[in-house]
Full PDB file with SEQRES, HELIX, SHEET, SSBOND, CRYST1, ORIGX, SCALE, CONECT and MASTER records, all heavy atoms in Angstrom:
SEQRES   1 A   34  ASP GLU LEU ALA VAL GLN ALA LYS ILE LYS GLU ASP LEU          
SEQRES   2 A   34  TRP GLY ALA VAL VAL GLU PRO VAL PHE GLY ASP LEU GLU          
SEQRES   3 A   34  ILE LYS PRO ASP SER GLU THR ARG                              
HELIX    1 AA1 GLU A    2  LEU A   13  1                                  12    
HELIX    2 AA2 TRP A   14  VAL A   18  3                                   5    
HELIX    3 AA3 GLU A   19  PHE A   22  1                                   4    
CRYST1    1.000    1.000    1.000  90.00  90.00  90.00 P 1           1          
ORIGX1      1.000000  0.000000  0.000000        0.00000                         
ORIGX2      0.000000  1.000000  0.000000        0.00000                         
ORIGX3      0.000000  0.000000  1.000000        0.00000                         
SCALE1      1.000000  0.000000  0.000000        0.00000                         
SCALE2      0.000000  1.000000  0.000000        0.00000                         
SCALE3      0.000000  0.000000  1.000000        0.00000                         
ATOM      1  N   ASP A   1      13.608 -16.900  -1.785  1.00  0.00           N  
ATOM      2  CA  ASP A   1      12.245 -16.967  -1.287  1.00  0.00           C  
ATOM      3  C   ASP A   1      11.254 -16.813  -2.390  1.00  0.00           C  
ATOM      4  O   ASP A   1      11.410 -15.840  -3.257  1.00  0.00           O  
ATOM      5  CB  ASP A   1      12.075 -15.933  -0.298  1.00  0.00           C  
ATOM      6  CG  ASP A   1      10.684 -15.917   0.331  1.00  0.00           C  
ATOM      7  OD1 ASP A   1      10.343 -16.724   1.063  1.00  0.00           O  
ATOM      8  OD2 ASP A   1       9.932 -14.942  -0.102  1.00  0.00           O  
ATOM      9  N   GLU A   2      10.198 -17.671  -2.552  1.00  0.00           N  
ATOM     10  CA  GLU A   2       9.291 -17.636  -3.581  1.00  0.00           C  
ATOM     11  C   GLU A   2       8.521 -16.231  -3.589  1.00  0.00           C  
ATOM     12  O   GLU A   2       8.309 -15.712  -4.739  1.00  0.00           O  
ATOM     13  CB  GLU A   2       8.246 -18.737  -3.477  1.00  0.00           C  
ATOM     14  CG  GLU A   2       8.904 -20.131  -3.894  1.00  0.00           C  
ATOM     15  CD  GLU A   2       7.745 -21.229  -3.974  1.00  0.00           C  
ATOM     16  OE1 GLU A   2       6.585 -20.943  -3.658  1.00  0.00           O  
ATOM     17  OE2 GLU A   2       8.204 -22.386  -4.162  1.00  0.00           O  
ATOM     18  N   LEU A   3       8.119 -15.783  -2.433  1.00  0.00           N  
ATOM     19  CA  LEU A   3       7.392 -14.545  -2.507  1.00  0.00           C  
ATOM     20  C   LEU A   3       8.282 -13.365  -2.916  1.00  0.00           C  
ATOM     21  O   LEU A   3       7.818 -12.558  -3.607  1.00  0.00           O  
ATOM     22  CB  LEU A   3       6.766 -14.200  -1.018  1.00  0.00           C  
ATOM     23  CG  LEU A   3       5.678 -15.065  -0.573  1.00  0.00           C  
ATOM     24  CD1 LEU A   3       5.280 -14.755   0.822  1.00  0.00           C  
ATOM     25  CD2 LEU A   3       4.475 -15.127  -1.485  1.00  0.00           C  
ATOM     26  N   ALA A   4       9.469 -13.389  -2.504  1.00  0.00           N  
ATOM     27  CA  ALA A   4      10.511 -12.340  -2.883  1.00  0.00           C  
ATOM     28  C   ALA A   4      10.759 -12.502  -4.425  1.00  0.00           C  
ATOM     29  O   ALA A   4      10.914 -11.413  -5.135  1.00  0.00           O  
ATOM     30  CB  ALA A   4      11.711 -12.490  -2.130  1.00  0.00           C  
ATOM     31  N   VAL A   5      10.889 -13.684  -4.959  1.00  0.00           N  
ATOM     32  CA  VAL A   5      11.019 -13.884  -6.366  1.00  0.00           C  
ATOM     33  C   VAL A   5       9.953 -13.336  -7.126  1.00  0.00           C  
ATOM     34  O   VAL A   5      10.091 -12.525  -8.175  1.00  0.00           O  
ATOM     35  CB  VAL A   5      11.232 -15.443  -6.759  1.00  0.00           C  
ATOM     36  CG1 VAL A   5      11.088 -15.618  -8.241  1.00  0.00           C  
ATOM     37  CG2 VAL A   5      12.492 -15.957  -6.193  1.00  0.00           C  
ATOM     38  N   GLN A   6       8.664 -13.478  -6.782  1.00  0.00           N  
ATOM     39  CA  GLN A   6       7.474 -12.950  -7.480  1.00  0.00           C  
ATOM     40  C   GLN A   6       7.480 -11.476  -7.302  1.00  0.00           C  
ATOM     41  O   GLN A   6       7.091 -10.840  -8.269  1.00  0.00           O  
ATOM     42  CB  GLN A   6       6.183 -13.655  -6.920  1.00  0.00           C  
ATOM     43  CG  GLN A   6       6.133 -15.111  -7.217  1.00  0.00           C  
ATOM     44  CD  GLN A   6       6.218 -15.437  -8.651  1.00  0.00           C  
ATOM     45  OE1 GLN A   6       5.724 -14.845  -9.530  1.00  0.00           O  
ATOM     46  NE2 GLN A   6       7.050 -16.465  -8.982  1.00  0.00           N  
ATOM     47  N   ALA A   7       7.812 -10.934  -6.271  1.00  0.00           N  
ATOM     48  CA  ALA A   7       7.768  -9.543  -6.067  1.00  0.00           C  
ATOM     49  C   ALA A   7       8.839  -8.829  -6.981  1.00  0.00           C  
ATOM     50  O   ALA A   7       8.547  -7.817  -7.587  1.00  0.00           O  
ATOM     51  CB  ALA A   7       8.170  -9.163  -4.581  1.00  0.00           C  
ATOM     52  N   LYS A   8       9.938  -9.406  -7.148  1.00  0.00           N  
ATOM     53  CA  LYS A   8      10.980  -8.955  -8.031  1.00  0.00           C  
ATOM     54  C   LYS A   8      10.545  -8.972  -9.526  1.00  0.00           C  
ATOM     55  O   LYS A   8      10.724  -8.083 -10.268  1.00  0.00           O  
ATOM     56  CB  LYS A   8      12.289  -9.845  -7.885  1.00  0.00           C  
ATOM     57  CG  LYS A   8      13.278  -9.685  -8.927  1.00  0.00           C  
ATOM     58  CD  LYS A   8      14.074  -8.353  -8.811  1.00  0.00           C  
ATOM     59  CE  LYS A   8      15.271  -8.359  -9.787  1.00  0.00           C  
ATOM     60  NZ  LYS A   8      15.817  -6.852  -9.848  1.00  0.00           N  
ATOM     61  N   ILE A   9       9.909 -10.049  -9.899  1.00  0.00           N  
ATOM     62  CA  ILE A   9       9.422 -10.272 -11.292  1.00  0.00           C  
ATOM     63  C   ILE A   9       8.365  -9.209 -11.563  1.00  0.00           C  
ATOM     64  O   ILE A   9       8.413  -8.578 -12.588  1.00  0.00           O  
ATOM     65  CB  ILE A   9       8.769 -11.658 -11.499  1.00  0.00           C  
ATOM     66  CG1 ILE A   9       9.823 -12.760 -11.347  1.00  0.00           C  
ATOM     67  CG2 ILE A   9       8.051 -11.750 -12.769  1.00  0.00           C  
ATOM     68  CD1 ILE A   9       9.381 -14.137 -11.392  1.00  0.00           C  
ATOM     69  N   LYS A  10       7.391  -9.059 -10.553  1.00  0.00           N  
ATOM     70  CA  LYS A  10       6.302  -7.926 -10.837  1.00  0.00           C  
ATOM     71  C   LYS A  10       6.923  -6.608 -10.979  1.00  0.00           C  
ATOM     72  O   LYS A  10       6.523  -5.794 -11.829  1.00  0.00           O  
ATOM     73  CB  LYS A  10       5.326  -8.025  -9.562  1.00  0.00           C  
ATOM     74  CG  LYS A  10       4.131  -7.176  -9.864  1.00  0.00           C  
ATOM     75  CD  LYS A  10       3.103  -7.375  -8.731  1.00  0.00           C  
ATOM     76  CE  LYS A  10       1.842  -6.652  -8.928  1.00  0.00           C  
ATOM     77  NZ  LYS A  10       0.724  -6.826  -7.891  1.00  0.00           N  
ATOM     78  N   GLU A  11       7.830  -6.243 -10.203  1.00  0.00           N  
ATOM     79  CA  GLU A  11       8.454  -4.968 -10.216  1.00  0.00           C  
ATOM     80  C   GLU A  11       9.296  -4.737 -11.516  1.00  0.00           C  
ATOM     81  O   GLU A  11       9.104  -3.736 -12.261  1.00  0.00           O  
ATOM     82  CB  GLU A  11       9.511  -4.769  -9.132  1.00  0.00           C  
ATOM     83  CG  GLU A  11      10.170  -3.385  -9.218  1.00  0.00           C  
ATOM     84  CD  GLU A  11      11.282  -3.304  -7.917  1.00  0.00           C  
ATOM     85  OE1 GLU A  11      11.411  -4.305  -7.216  1.00  0.00           O  
ATOM     86  OE2 GLU A  11      11.849  -2.123  -7.881  1.00  0.00           O  
ATOM     87  N   ASP A  12       9.974  -5.846 -12.063  1.00  0.00           N  
ATOM     88  CA  ASP A  12      10.739  -5.752 -13.241  1.00  0.00           C  
ATOM     89  C   ASP A  12       9.845  -5.734 -14.449  1.00  0.00           C  
ATOM     90  O   ASP A  12      10.091  -4.970 -15.504  1.00  0.00           O  
ATOM     91  CB  ASP A  12      11.626  -7.028 -13.391  1.00  0.00           C  
ATOM     92  CG  ASP A  12      12.924  -6.782 -12.388  1.00  0.00           C  
ATOM     93  OD1 ASP A  12      13.082  -5.782 -11.819  1.00  0.00           O  
ATOM     94  OD2 ASP A  12      13.648  -7.775 -12.298  1.00  0.00           O  
ATOM     95  N   LEU A  13       8.713  -6.384 -14.462  1.00  0.00           N  
ATOM     96  CA  LEU A  13       7.864  -6.436 -15.595  1.00  0.00           C  
ATOM     97  C   LEU A  13       7.134  -5.110 -15.769  1.00  0.00           C  
ATOM     98  O   LEU A  13       7.029  -4.695 -16.887  1.00  0.00           O  
ATOM     99  CB  LEU A  13       6.752  -7.542 -15.376  1.00  0.00           C  
ATOM    100  CG  LEU A  13       7.254  -9.057 -15.486  1.00  0.00           C  
ATOM    101  CD1 LEU A  13       6.135  -9.944 -15.440  1.00  0.00           C  
ATOM    102  CD2 LEU A  13       8.040  -9.191 -16.840  1.00  0.00           C  
ATOM    103  N   TRP A  14       6.816  -4.466 -14.606  1.00  0.00           N  
ATOM    104  CA  TRP A  14       6.221  -3.169 -14.818  1.00  0.00           C  
ATOM    105  C   TRP A  14       7.180  -2.206 -15.514  1.00  0.00           C  
ATOM    106  O   TRP A  14       6.744  -1.471 -16.483  1.00  0.00           O  
ATOM    107  CB  TRP A  14       5.833  -2.578 -13.474  1.00  0.00           C  
ATOM    108  CG  TRP A  14       4.999  -1.357 -13.585  1.00  0.00           C  
ATOM    109  CD1 TRP A  14       5.481  -0.003 -13.511  1.00  0.00           C  
ATOM    110  CD2 TRP A  14       3.621  -1.119 -14.030  1.00  0.00           C  
ATOM    111  NE1 TRP A  14       4.506   0.974 -13.672  1.00  0.00           N  
ATOM    112  CE2 TRP A  14       3.316   0.153 -13.983  1.00  0.00           C  
ATOM    113  CE3 TRP A  14       2.618  -2.083 -14.181  1.00  0.00           C  
ATOM    114  CZ2 TRP A  14       1.998   0.691 -14.310  1.00  0.00           C  
ATOM    115  CZ3 TRP A  14       1.339  -1.615 -14.515  1.00  0.00           C  
ATOM    116  CH2 TRP A  14       1.010  -0.314 -14.455  1.00  0.00           C  
ATOM    117  N   GLY A  15       8.397  -2.066 -15.076  1.00  0.00           N  
ATOM    118  CA  GLY A  15       9.336  -1.192 -15.659  1.00  0.00           C  
ATOM    119  C   GLY A  15       9.767  -1.582 -16.868  1.00  0.00           C  
ATOM    120  O   GLY A  15      10.035  -0.554 -17.787  1.00  0.00           O  
ATOM    121  N   ALA A  16      10.062  -2.878 -17.219  1.00  0.00           N  
ATOM    122  CA  ALA A  16      10.784  -3.170 -18.376  1.00  0.00           C  
ATOM    123  C   ALA A  16       9.824  -3.720 -19.562  1.00  0.00           C  
ATOM    124  O   ALA A  16      10.104  -3.682 -20.748  1.00  0.00           O  
ATOM    125  CB  ALA A  16      11.694  -4.379 -18.160  1.00  0.00           C  
ATOM    126  N   VAL A  17       8.472  -4.086 -19.154  1.00  0.00           N  
ATOM    127  CA  VAL A  17       7.535  -4.479 -20.221  1.00  0.00           C  
ATOM    128  C   VAL A  17       6.411  -3.561 -20.261  1.00  0.00           C  
ATOM    129  O   VAL A  17       6.067  -2.944 -21.326  1.00  0.00           O  
ATOM    130  CB  VAL A  17       7.065  -5.923 -19.796  1.00  0.00           C  
ATOM    131  CG1 VAL A  17       6.012  -6.414 -20.808  1.00  0.00           C  
ATOM    132  CG2 VAL A  17       8.234  -6.828 -19.803  1.00  0.00           C  
ATOM    133  N   VAL A  18       5.584  -3.331 -19.190  1.00  0.00           N  
ATOM    134  CA  VAL A  18       4.327  -2.565 -19.329  1.00  0.00           C  
ATOM    135  C   VAL A  18       4.621  -1.092 -19.650  1.00  0.00           C  
ATOM    136  O   VAL A  18       4.012  -0.557 -20.628  1.00  0.00           O  
ATOM    137  CB  VAL A  18       3.569  -2.671 -17.946  1.00  0.00           C  
ATOM    138  CG1 VAL A  18       2.347  -1.714 -17.966  1.00  0.00           C  
ATOM    139  CG2 VAL A  18       3.292  -4.098 -17.609  1.00  0.00           C  
ATOM    140  N   GLU A  19       5.548  -0.492 -18.966  1.00  0.00           N  
ATOM    141  CA  GLU A  19       5.645   0.959 -19.240  1.00  0.00           C  
ATOM    142  C   GLU A  19       6.139   1.254 -20.694  1.00  0.00           C  
ATOM    143  O   GLU A  19       5.629   2.166 -21.298  1.00  0.00           O  
ATOM    144  CB  GLU A  19       6.671   1.580 -18.193  1.00  0.00           C  
ATOM    145  CG  GLU A  19       5.996   1.782 -16.774  1.00  0.00           C  
ATOM    146  CD  GLU A  19       6.977   2.538 -15.883  1.00  0.00           C  
ATOM    147  OE1 GLU A  19       8.253   2.368 -16.046  1.00  0.00           O  
ATOM    148  OE2 GLU A  19       6.359   2.977 -14.882  1.00  0.00           O  
ATOM    149  N   PRO A  20       7.186   0.597 -21.273  1.00  0.00           N  
ATOM    150  CA  PRO A  20       7.548   0.712 -22.658  1.00  0.00           C  
ATOM    151  C   PRO A  20       6.341   0.417 -23.627  1.00  0.00           C  
ATOM    152  O   PRO A  20       6.158   1.095 -24.625  1.00  0.00           O  
ATOM    153  CB  PRO A  20       8.564  -0.287 -22.767  1.00  0.00           C  
ATOM    154  CG  PRO A  20       9.262  -0.520 -21.506  1.00  0.00           C  
ATOM    155  CD  PRO A  20       8.012  -0.479 -20.525  1.00  0.00           C  
ATOM    156  N   VAL A  21       5.524  -0.589 -23.374  1.00  0.00           N  
ATOM    157  CA  VAL A  21       4.341  -0.957 -24.151  1.00  0.00           C  
ATOM    158  C   VAL A  21       3.409   0.296 -24.376  1.00  0.00           C  
ATOM    159  O   VAL A  21       2.997   0.581 -25.473  1.00  0.00           O  
ATOM    160  CB  VAL A  21       3.679  -2.160 -23.757  1.00  0.00           C  
ATOM    161  CG1 VAL A  21       2.354  -2.242 -24.314  1.00  0.00           C  
ATOM    162  CG2 VAL A  21       4.608  -3.427 -24.102  1.00  0.00           C  
ATOM    163  N   PHE A  22       3.130   0.962 -23.264  1.00  0.00           N  
ATOM    164  CA  PHE A  22       2.185   1.978 -23.224  1.00  0.00           C  
ATOM    165  C   PHE A  22       2.848   3.341 -23.500  1.00  0.00           C  
ATOM    166  O   PHE A  22       2.048   4.430 -23.455  1.00  0.00           O  
ATOM    167  CB  PHE A  22       1.397   2.034 -21.892  1.00  0.00           C  
ATOM    168  CG  PHE A  22       0.361   1.019 -21.781  1.00  0.00           C  
ATOM    169  CD1 PHE A  22       0.790  -0.193 -21.242  1.00  0.00           C  
ATOM    170  CD2 PHE A  22      -0.798   1.194 -22.118  1.00  0.00           C  
ATOM    171  CE1 PHE A  22      -0.168  -1.156 -21.098  1.00  0.00           C  
ATOM    172  CE2 PHE A  22      -1.765   0.350 -22.029  1.00  0.00           C  
ATOM    173  CZ  PHE A  22      -1.509  -1.077 -21.444  1.00  0.00           C  
ATOM    174  N   GLY A  23       4.173   3.395 -23.686  1.00  0.00           N  
ATOM    175  CA  GLY A  23       4.814   4.619 -23.834  1.00  0.00           C  
ATOM    176  C   GLY A  23       4.313   5.690 -24.943  1.00  0.00           C  
ATOM    177  O   GLY A  23       4.277   6.893 -24.721  1.00  0.00           O  
ATOM    178  N   ASP A  24       3.921   5.006 -26.085  1.00  0.00           N  
ATOM    179  CA  ASP A  24       3.410   5.926 -27.250  1.00  0.00           C  
ATOM    180  C   ASP A  24       1.939   5.950 -27.342  1.00  0.00           C  
ATOM    181  O   ASP A  24       1.339   6.297 -28.399  1.00  0.00           O  
ATOM    182  CB  ASP A  24       4.137   5.430 -28.533  1.00  0.00           C  
ATOM    183  CG  ASP A  24       3.637   4.007 -28.941  1.00  0.00           C  
ATOM    184  OD1 ASP A  24       3.175   3.341 -27.956  1.00  0.00           O  
ATOM    185  OD2 ASP A  24       3.705   3.605 -30.026  1.00  0.00           O  
ATOM    186  N   LEU A  25       1.263   5.586 -26.366  1.00  0.00           N  
ATOM    187  CA  LEU A  25      -0.261   5.376 -26.446  1.00  0.00           C  
ATOM    188  C   LEU A  25      -1.010   6.457 -25.542  1.00  0.00           C  
ATOM    189  O   LEU A  25      -0.392   6.849 -24.445  1.00  0.00           O  
ATOM    190  CB  LEU A  25      -0.728   4.099 -25.997  1.00  0.00           C  
ATOM    191  CG  LEU A  25      -0.233   2.926 -26.778  1.00  0.00           C  
ATOM    192  CD1 LEU A  25      -0.759   1.535 -26.146  1.00  0.00           C  
ATOM    193  CD2 LEU A  25      -0.655   2.977 -28.135  1.00  0.00           C  
ATOM    194  N   GLU A  26      -2.118   6.983 -25.986  1.00  0.00           N  
ATOM    195  CA  GLU A  26      -2.859   7.918 -25.130  1.00  0.00           C  
ATOM    196  C   GLU A  26      -3.430   7.285 -23.914  1.00  0.00           C  
ATOM    197  O   GLU A  26      -3.399   7.807 -22.792  1.00  0.00           O  
ATOM    198  CB  GLU A  26      -3.858   8.659 -26.019  1.00  0.00           C  
ATOM    199  CG  GLU A  26      -3.295   9.664 -26.967  1.00  0.00           C  
ATOM    200  CD  GLU A  26      -4.396  10.374 -27.791  1.00  0.00           C  
ATOM    201  OE1 GLU A  26      -5.576  10.311 -27.184  1.00  0.00           O  
ATOM    202  OE2 GLU A  26      -4.254  10.982 -28.784  1.00  0.00           O  
ATOM    203  N   ILE A  27      -4.006   6.043 -24.175  1.00  0.00           N  
ATOM    204  CA  ILE A  27      -4.699   5.386 -23.061  1.00  0.00           C  
ATOM    205  C   ILE A  27      -3.530   4.535 -22.239  1.00  0.00           C  
ATOM    206  O   ILE A  27      -2.814   3.796 -22.842  1.00  0.00           O  
ATOM    207  CB  ILE A  27      -5.780   4.434 -23.668  1.00  0.00           C  
ATOM    208  CG1 ILE A  27      -6.912   5.128 -24.284  1.00  0.00           C  
ATOM    209  CG2 ILE A  27      -6.246   3.366 -22.488  1.00  0.00           C  
ATOM    210  CD1 ILE A  27      -7.978   4.275 -24.876  1.00  0.00           C  
ATOM    211  N   LYS A  28      -3.484   4.724 -21.007  1.00  0.00           N  
ATOM    212  CA  LYS A  28      -2.454   4.133 -20.252  1.00  0.00           C  
ATOM    213  C   LYS A  28      -3.014   3.593 -18.886  1.00  0.00           C  
ATOM    214  O   LYS A  28      -4.131   4.070 -18.449  1.00  0.00           O  
ATOM    215  CB  LYS A  28      -1.336   5.164 -19.854  1.00  0.00           C  
ATOM    216  CG  LYS A  28      -0.647   5.796 -21.058  1.00  0.00           C  
ATOM    217  CD  LYS A  28       0.396   6.865 -20.569  1.00  0.00           C  
ATOM    218  CE  LYS A  28       1.088   7.600 -21.697  1.00  0.00           C  
ATOM    219  NZ  LYS A  28       1.697   6.705 -22.695  1.00  0.00           N  
ATOM    220  N   PRO A  29      -2.373   2.612 -18.295  1.00  0.00           N  
ATOM    221  CA  PRO A  29      -2.820   2.166 -16.978  1.00  0.00           C  
ATOM    222  C   PRO A  29      -2.676   3.331 -16.028  1.00  0.00           C  
ATOM    223  O   PRO A  29      -1.830   4.174 -16.063  1.00  0.00           O  
ATOM    224  CB  PRO A  29      -1.886   1.153 -16.652  1.00  0.00           C  
ATOM    225  CG  PRO A  29      -0.715   1.257 -17.589  1.00  0.00           C  
ATOM    226  CD  PRO A  29      -1.231   1.879 -18.786  1.00  0.00           C  
ATOM    227  N   ASP A  30      -3.565   3.329 -14.954  1.00  0.00           N  
ATOM    228  CA  ASP A  30      -3.500   4.360 -13.878  1.00  0.00           C  
ATOM    229  C   ASP A  30      -3.547   3.695 -12.499  1.00  0.00           C  
ATOM    230  O   ASP A  30      -3.343   2.480 -12.400  1.00  0.00           O  
ATOM    231  CB  ASP A  30      -4.616   5.378 -14.132  1.00  0.00           C  
ATOM    232  CG  ASP A  30      -6.000   4.709 -14.058  1.00  0.00           C  
ATOM    233  OD1 ASP A  30      -6.198   3.636 -13.450  1.00  0.00           O  
ATOM    234  OD2 ASP A  30      -6.995   5.279 -14.791  1.00  0.00           O  
ATOM    235  N   SER A  31      -3.625   4.424 -11.563  1.00  0.00           N  
ATOM    236  CA  SER A  31      -3.711   3.918 -10.148  1.00  0.00           C  
ATOM    237  C   SER A  31      -4.846   2.977  -9.837  1.00  0.00           C  
ATOM    238  O   SER A  31      -4.800   2.222  -8.939  1.00  0.00           O  
ATOM    239  CB  SER A  31      -3.859   5.150  -9.231  1.00  0.00           C  
ATOM    240  OG  SER A  31      -5.032   5.802  -9.427  1.00  0.00           O  
ATOM    241  N   GLU A  32      -5.845   2.973 -10.757  1.00  0.00           N  
ATOM    242  CA  GLU A  32      -6.950   2.064 -10.546  1.00  0.00           C  
ATOM    243  C   GLU A  32      -6.918   0.838 -11.247  1.00  0.00           C  
ATOM    244  O   GLU A  32      -7.652  -0.271 -11.160  1.00  0.00           O  
ATOM    245  CB  GLU A  32      -8.260   2.710 -11.056  1.00  0.00           C  
ATOM    246  CG  GLU A  32      -8.688   3.955 -10.202  1.00  0.00           C  
ATOM    247  CD  GLU A  32      -8.955   3.594  -8.802  1.00  0.00           C  
ATOM    248  OE1 GLU A  32      -9.725   2.675  -8.542  1.00  0.00           O  
ATOM    249  OE2 GLU A  32      -8.522   4.439  -7.944  1.00  0.00           O  
ATOM    250  N   THR A  33      -5.873   0.667 -12.129  1.00  0.00           N  
ATOM    251  CA  THR A  33      -5.605  -0.594 -12.936  1.00  0.00           C  
ATOM    252  C   THR A  33      -5.000  -1.699 -12.095  1.00  0.00           C  
ATOM    253  O   THR A  33      -4.011  -1.518 -11.304  1.00  0.00           O  
ATOM    254  CB  THR A  33      -4.555  -0.255 -14.218  1.00  0.00           C  
ATOM    255  OG1 THR A  33      -5.074   0.790 -14.940  1.00  0.00           O  
ATOM    256  CG2 THR A  33      -4.376  -1.368 -14.977  1.00  0.00           C  
ATOM    257  N   ARG A  34      -5.524  -2.829 -12.168  1.00  0.00           N  
ATOM    258  CA  ARG A  34      -5.006  -4.012 -11.517  1.00  0.00           C  
ATOM    259  C   ARG A  34      -3.851  -4.614 -12.350  1.00  0.00           C  
ATOM    260  O   ARG A  34      -4.016  -4.705 -13.579  1.00  0.00           O  
ATOM    261  CB  ARG A  34      -6.080  -5.049 -11.292  1.00  0.00           C  
ATOM    262  CG  ARG A  34      -7.129  -4.695 -10.315  1.00  0.00           C  
ATOM    263  CD  ARG A  34      -8.157  -5.951 -10.150  1.00  0.00           C  
ATOM    264  NE  ARG A  34      -8.821  -6.137 -11.336  1.00  0.00           N  
ATOM    265  CZ  ARG A  34      -9.599  -7.232 -11.419  1.00  0.00           C  
ATOM    266  NH1 ARG A  34      -9.757  -8.142 -10.583  1.00  0.00           N  
ATOM    267  NH2 ARG A  34     -10.277  -7.486 -12.642  1.00  0.00           N  
TER     268      ARG A  34                                                      
MASTER        0    0    0    3    0    0    0    6  267    1    0    3          
END                                                                             
């Protein structure tokens, strides 16, 4: 299902891409970040 595929990608990218990128930075995304 296309919607389910996109939901899976979004979840994976946050954990495998975004969080490691900001791991060593003081400024990080928060609950207000789109």
